[in-house]
Protein backbone atom coordinates (compact mmCIF):
# COMPACT_ATOMS: atom_id res chain seq x y z
CA MET A 1 109.24 14.29 92.50
CA ALA A 2 111.00 17.18 90.97
CA THR A 3 109.00 20.22 90.08
CA SER A 4 110.16 22.71 87.60
CA THR A 5 109.20 26.32 87.81
CA THR A 6 109.20 28.51 84.79
CA SER A 7 109.84 32.16 85.41
CA ARG A 8 108.01 34.65 83.33
CA PRO A 9 110.43 36.97 81.62
CA ALA A 10 110.26 40.51 82.92
CA PRO A 11 109.05 42.98 80.37
CA PRO A 12 111.70 45.25 79.06
CA SER A 13 111.93 48.52 80.87
CA GLY A 14 111.47 50.41 77.68
CA GLU A 15 108.17 48.70 76.75
CA PRO A 16 106.11 51.47 75.20
CA GLY A 17 102.66 50.44 76.39
CA ARG A 18 103.37 50.30 80.13
CA GLY A 19 105.53 53.44 80.00
CA ARG A 20 102.65 55.35 78.49
CA ARG A 21 100.26 53.99 81.12
CA ARG A 22 102.59 55.02 83.93
CA SER A 23 103.16 58.48 82.52
CA GLY A 24 99.45 58.85 81.79
CA THR A 25 98.52 57.91 85.33
CA ALA A 26 101.09 60.32 86.80
CA ALA A 27 99.87 63.13 84.55
CA GLN A 28 96.26 62.49 85.56
CA ARG A 29 97.25 62.49 89.22
CA GLU A 30 99.06 65.79 88.81
CA ASN A 31 96.05 67.26 87.02
CA ARG A 32 93.74 66.14 89.82
CA ASP A 33 96.07 67.60 92.43
CA GLY A 34 96.26 70.85 90.49
CA TRP A 35 92.46 71.13 90.20
CA THR A 36 92.14 70.30 93.90
CA LEU A 37 94.29 73.31 94.71
CA VAL A 38 92.77 75.66 92.15
CA VAL A 39 89.04 74.96 92.47
CA PRO A 40 88.55 76.27 96.06
CA THR A 41 90.32 79.53 95.19
CA PHE A 42 88.32 79.87 91.98
CA VAL A 43 85.04 79.29 93.81
CA ILE A 44 85.91 81.90 96.44
CA VAL A 45 86.89 84.46 93.79
CA LEU A 46 83.76 83.64 91.78
CA VAL A 47 81.40 84.07 94.73
CA ILE A 48 83.07 87.03 96.43
CA VAL A 49 84.42 89.03 93.46
CA ILE A 50 83.10 88.06 90.04
CA LEU A 51 79.40 87.50 90.78
CA PRO A 52 78.96 90.76 92.77
CA VAL A 53 80.68 92.73 90.01
CA LEU A 54 78.47 91.15 87.34
CA TRP A 55 75.40 91.78 89.46
CA ASN A 56 76.40 95.42 89.86
CA VAL A 57 76.64 95.70 86.08
CA VAL A 58 73.14 94.25 85.73
CA LEU A 59 71.72 96.63 88.33
CA ALA A 60 73.36 99.63 86.66
CA PHE A 61 71.20 99.13 83.56
CA GLN A 62 67.91 98.81 85.43
CA ASP A 63 65.28 101.27 86.56
CA LEU A 64 65.23 99.85 90.06
CA SER A 65 64.86 101.34 93.53
CA LEU A 66 64.36 100.07 97.04
CA VAL A 67 60.70 101.14 96.79
CA THR A 68 59.92 99.32 93.53
CA MET A 69 62.07 96.23 94.20
CA ARG A 70 59.26 94.45 96.04
CA ARG A 71 56.92 94.95 93.09
CA THR A 72 59.29 94.37 90.16
CA GLY A 73 61.69 91.89 91.72
CA MET A 74 65.43 91.94 91.27
CA LEU A 75 65.12 92.34 87.50
CA GLY A 76 63.45 95.61 86.62
CA ARG A 77 63.16 97.57 83.40
CA PHE A 78 66.47 97.80 81.56
CA THR A 79 67.44 101.29 80.49
CA LEU A 80 70.37 103.66 79.92
CA ASP A 81 68.77 106.47 81.87
CA ASN A 82 70.93 105.77 84.92
CA PHE A 83 74.13 106.59 83.06
CA THR A 84 72.50 109.59 81.37
CA ASP A 85 71.47 110.98 84.75
CA VAL A 86 74.84 110.28 86.32
CA PHE A 87 76.98 111.82 83.59
CA SER A 88 74.72 114.87 83.26
CA ASP A 89 74.74 115.58 86.98
CA ALA A 90 77.16 118.33 87.93
CA LYS A 91 77.31 117.01 91.50
CA PHE A 92 78.72 113.70 90.27
CA TRP A 93 81.54 115.41 88.39
CA ARG A 94 82.25 117.59 91.40
CA SER A 95 82.46 114.53 93.64
CA LEU A 96 84.70 112.85 91.07
CA TRP A 97 87.01 115.88 91.04
CA ILE A 98 87.12 115.90 94.84
CA THR A 99 87.91 112.18 94.82
CA LEU A 100 90.78 112.63 92.36
CA LEU A 101 92.21 115.53 94.37
CA TYR A 102 91.81 113.57 97.58
CA SER A 103 93.35 110.39 96.12
CA VAL A 104 96.33 112.00 94.42
CA SER A 105 97.18 114.26 97.36
CA ALA A 106 96.83 111.54 99.98
CA THR A 107 98.73 108.99 97.90
CA ALA A 108 101.62 111.35 97.15
CA GLY A 109 101.77 112.57 100.74
CA SER A 110 101.77 109.09 102.27
CA ILE A 111 104.51 107.88 99.92
CA VAL A 112 106.70 110.94 100.53
CA ILE A 113 106.34 110.70 104.32
CA GLY A 114 106.91 106.96 104.21
CA LEU A 115 110.04 107.44 102.09
CA LEU A 116 111.43 110.08 104.46
CA ALA A 117 110.73 107.85 107.46
CA ALA A 118 112.44 104.90 105.80
CA LEU A 119 115.51 107.02 105.02
CA VAL A 120 115.70 108.40 108.55
CA LEU A 121 115.42 104.94 110.14
CA ARG A 122 117.70 103.25 107.65
CA ARG A 123 120.89 103.43 109.73
CA PRO A 124 120.95 101.34 112.93
CA PHE A 125 120.77 103.11 116.28
CA HIS A 126 119.61 102.27 119.77
CA GLY A 127 115.83 101.95 119.92
CA ARG A 128 115.30 101.80 116.14
CA GLY A 129 113.19 98.63 116.36
CA ALA A 130 110.87 100.14 118.96
CA LEU A 131 110.54 103.35 116.92
CA ARG A 132 109.70 101.37 113.78
CA ALA A 133 107.03 99.46 115.66
CA PHE A 134 105.62 102.69 117.12
CA MET A 135 105.35 104.21 113.63
CA LEU A 136 102.96 101.43 112.61
CA LEU A 137 100.41 102.55 115.19
CA PRO A 138 98.36 104.79 112.84
CA TYR A 139 98.04 101.94 110.33
CA VAL A 140 97.00 99.22 112.79
CA ALA A 141 94.74 101.38 114.97
CA PRO A 142 90.98 100.87 114.44
CA VAL A 143 89.61 103.51 112.13
CA VAL A 144 86.78 104.33 114.53
CA ALA A 145 89.24 105.05 117.33
CA ALA A 146 91.56 107.05 115.07
CA THR A 147 88.79 109.26 113.67
CA PHE A 148 87.39 109.79 117.17
CA VAL A 149 90.75 111.06 118.42
CA TRP A 150 91.07 113.43 115.46
CA LYS A 151 87.52 114.76 115.91
CA VAL A 152 88.19 115.43 119.60
CA MET A 153 91.50 117.19 118.87
CA LEU A 154 90.04 119.31 116.07
CA ASP A 155 86.78 120.22 117.79
CA GLY A 156 85.93 123.86 117.21
CA GLN A 157 85.03 124.55 120.84
CA SER A 158 87.11 122.31 123.11
CA GLY A 159 89.70 120.82 120.77
CA ILE A 160 93.33 121.05 121.81
CA VAL A 161 94.42 122.24 118.35
CA ASN A 162 92.16 125.30 118.51
CA HIS A 163 93.21 125.89 122.12
CA TRP A 164 96.86 126.02 121.10
CA GLY A 165 96.02 128.08 118.04
CA THR A 166 94.18 130.81 119.93
CA SER A 167 96.43 130.87 123.01
CA ILE A 168 99.88 130.28 121.48
CA PHE A 169 99.76 131.02 117.76
CA GLY A 170 97.48 134.05 117.96
CA TRP A 171 94.44 132.85 116.02
CA ASP A 172 91.61 135.34 116.14
CA GLU A 173 88.98 132.63 116.56
CA PRO A 174 88.72 128.83 116.58
CA ILE A 175 88.64 127.06 113.23
CA ASN A 176 86.00 124.49 112.39
CA PHE A 177 88.38 122.05 110.70
CA LEU A 178 85.72 119.42 109.96
CA GLY A 179 82.79 121.65 109.05
CA THR A 180 84.00 124.45 106.79
CA LYS A 181 85.63 124.70 103.38
CA PRO A 182 88.46 124.20 102.52
CA TYR A 183 89.65 123.08 105.95
CA ALA A 184 87.54 119.93 105.92
CA LEU A 185 89.08 118.57 102.71
CA VAL A 186 92.59 119.44 103.85
CA THR A 187 91.90 117.71 107.15
CA VAL A 188 90.69 114.44 105.61
CA ILE A 189 93.71 114.44 103.27
CA ALA A 190 96.04 114.99 106.23
CA PHE A 191 94.29 112.19 108.12
CA GLU A 192 94.72 109.84 105.16
CA ILE A 193 98.42 110.68 104.91
CA TRP A 194 98.94 110.17 108.64
CA ARG A 195 97.03 106.90 108.72
CA TYR A 196 98.62 105.21 105.71
CA PHE A 197 102.19 106.47 105.50
CA PRO A 198 103.27 103.38 107.55
CA PHE A 199 102.04 101.25 104.64
CA ALA A 200 104.52 102.97 102.32
CA PHE A 201 107.15 102.88 105.05
CA LEU A 202 106.94 99.08 105.25
CA PHE A 203 107.25 98.59 101.49
CA ILE A 204 110.14 101.01 101.07
CA THR A 205 112.01 99.71 104.12
CA ALA A 206 111.76 96.14 102.85
CA ARG A 207 113.18 97.23 99.48
CA MET A 208 115.99 99.19 101.10
CA LEU A 209 117.17 96.11 102.94
CA THR A 210 117.97 94.48 99.60
CA LEU A 211 119.88 97.39 98.06
CA PRO A 212 123.52 96.53 97.31
CA LYS A 213 125.86 98.45 99.58
CA ASP A 214 128.84 98.37 97.23
CA VAL A 215 127.14 100.77 94.81
CA GLU A 216 126.60 103.36 97.55
CA GLU A 217 130.12 102.87 98.84
CA ALA A 218 131.48 103.45 95.35
CA ALA A 219 129.39 106.62 95.06
CA THR A 220 130.74 107.82 98.40
CA VAL A 221 134.32 107.19 97.26
CA ASP A 222 133.62 109.21 94.12
CA GLY A 223 132.71 112.18 96.33
CA THR A 224 128.95 112.40 95.74
CA THR A 225 126.84 114.48 98.11
CA PRO A 226 124.02 112.86 100.13
CA TRP A 227 121.44 114.37 97.79
CA GLN A 228 123.26 113.09 94.70
CA LYS A 229 123.54 109.64 96.26
CA PHE A 230 119.81 109.61 96.94
CA ARG A 231 118.84 111.06 93.55
CA PHE A 232 121.06 108.92 91.30
CA VAL A 233 121.74 105.77 93.35
CA ILE A 234 118.96 105.03 95.84
CA LEU A 235 115.86 106.51 94.20
CA PRO A 236 116.23 104.68 90.83
CA GLN A 237 116.36 101.38 92.72
CA LEU A 238 113.17 102.29 94.58
CA SER A 239 111.22 103.36 91.50
CA ALA A 240 109.51 99.98 91.01
CA VAL A 241 108.22 99.71 94.57
CA ILE A 242 107.18 103.38 94.58
CA ALA A 243 105.18 102.82 91.38
CA LEU A 244 103.49 99.79 92.94
CA LEU A 245 102.73 101.80 96.06
CA ALA A 246 101.28 104.63 93.99
CA VAL A 247 98.87 102.30 92.22
CA LEU A 248 97.84 100.41 95.36
CA ARG A 249 97.34 103.53 97.44
CA ALA A 250 95.52 105.35 94.62
CA ILE A 251 93.06 102.46 94.27
CA MET A 252 92.58 102.15 98.03
CA THR A 253 92.13 105.89 98.51
CA PHE A 254 89.84 106.25 95.51
CA ASN A 255 87.51 103.68 97.08
CA LYS A 256 87.84 105.16 100.56
CA PHE A 257 84.58 105.60 102.40
CA ASP A 258 84.90 105.01 106.13
CA ASP A 259 87.59 107.61 106.90
CA VAL A 260 85.77 110.48 105.21
CA TYR A 261 82.34 109.44 106.41
CA LEU A 262 83.43 109.12 110.04
CA LEU A 263 85.25 112.47 110.00
CA THR A 264 82.87 114.74 108.11
CA GLY A 265 80.00 112.64 106.81
CA GLY A 266 80.76 113.91 103.32
CA THR A 267 79.85 117.52 104.18
CA ALA A 268 81.82 120.76 103.71
CA GLY A 269 83.19 119.81 100.29
CA THR A 270 84.37 116.31 101.23
CA GLN A 271 81.76 114.22 99.42
CA VAL A 272 84.05 111.79 97.65
CA ALA A 273 82.60 109.40 95.11
CA ALA A 274 82.25 106.46 97.49
CA VAL A 275 80.28 108.60 99.96
CA ARG A 276 78.09 109.88 97.12
CA VAL A 277 77.22 106.32 96.08
CA ILE A 278 76.04 105.55 99.62
CA ASP A 279 74.11 108.82 99.79
CA THR A 280 72.41 108.04 96.47
CA LEU A 281 71.33 104.68 97.81
CA ASN A 282 70.28 105.83 101.28
CA THR A 283 68.65 109.18 100.46
CA ARG A 284 67.15 108.55 97.02
CA PHE A 285 66.77 104.76 97.41
CA ASP A 286 67.86 104.50 93.77
CA ILE A 287 69.68 101.20 93.31
CA GLY A 288 70.21 101.65 89.58
CA ALA A 289 71.77 105.11 89.88
CA ALA A 290 74.04 103.99 92.73
CA ALA A 291 75.18 100.98 90.72
CA ALA A 292 75.82 103.19 87.67
CA GLU A 293 77.96 105.55 89.76
CA ALA A 294 79.91 102.60 91.16
CA LEU A 295 80.46 101.26 87.65
CA ALA A 296 81.74 104.65 86.49
CA LEU A 297 84.21 104.68 89.37
CA SER A 298 85.40 101.21 88.35
CA ALA A 299 86.16 102.55 84.88
CA VAL A 300 88.32 105.30 86.41
CA LEU A 301 90.17 102.73 88.52
CA ALA A 302 90.83 100.69 85.38
CA ILE A 303 92.77 103.68 84.03
CA PHE A 304 95.11 103.51 87.03
CA LEU A 305 95.73 99.83 86.33
CA VAL A 306 96.45 100.45 82.65
CA VAL A 307 98.97 103.16 83.54
CA TYR A 308 100.70 100.85 86.00
CA VAL A 309 100.84 97.92 83.55
CA ARG A 310 102.37 100.12 80.86
CA TYR A 311 104.90 101.49 83.31
CA SER A 312 105.83 97.98 84.42
CA ARG A 313 106.35 96.81 80.85
CA ARG A 314 108.54 99.78 80.03
CA ALA A 315 110.55 99.15 83.18
CA GLU A 316 111.06 95.49 82.23
CA VAL A 317 112.19 96.45 78.72
CA ARG A 318 114.55 99.07 80.12
CA ASP A 319 116.06 96.60 82.60
CA ARG A 320 116.72 94.11 79.83
């Protein structure tokens, strides 16, 4: 008995309904994959960054202290007195001025030293790799160990710096570098430059590796001096990374707490804003005032970001 089979005609490849279903399914799968990748990062940023910042804003507008928190709870009486007290306090403005001086000086010094180190170690020579690795030691060393070494060296009684100063350089008496003005502020700035110039060195060295050599060779053929080559050929190509370094280091230094606190404890004219916030919280137990000071510092940091964004946009327009 013969059986006949009828084959169902295949739908045309260009059938609109099934094409839309396929593309719709693929698009939904891509959306799910995208959300799978984005959601964990968003949750981490929300919990670690956004919520603490928002909570700090809420605390800044409350009359709340560690003493009254048990009675009033986490939500106290909302007021603007915290900002009035902060902005009318001469000590706050003095700490802000010290912070600006400390941040600008340390940032400029670390970038200049890092640039000089990158230029010196630019040409290959025997042992350059080991020397580059050794220069990273201040940056990777634990801050507790680094500050301890500096405090021992600069000790007013038994420090090696004062020993050399009185026995070799003819100082009349030892200098209390960490306990008197203005030596204490100069010392913490020098420590910040020493500790973080390797950070600038890494950035600038990485950028130098990508500089085209033909431009420098052409400048050499034209008879330019080393200073002219640096000023008109190398430095313009490093301006973008130097600007980025300036913003990053300014923000990091402006928020710096541990270095200054471990060296001087904020005494002898070194009470930067971050140390003052901790002192306000630990000595006055005033949560609202400490949060208001922290919020004011955030506003200053926002100015640094605005300056950098404007500089970046001008640089992009100029490059076009």
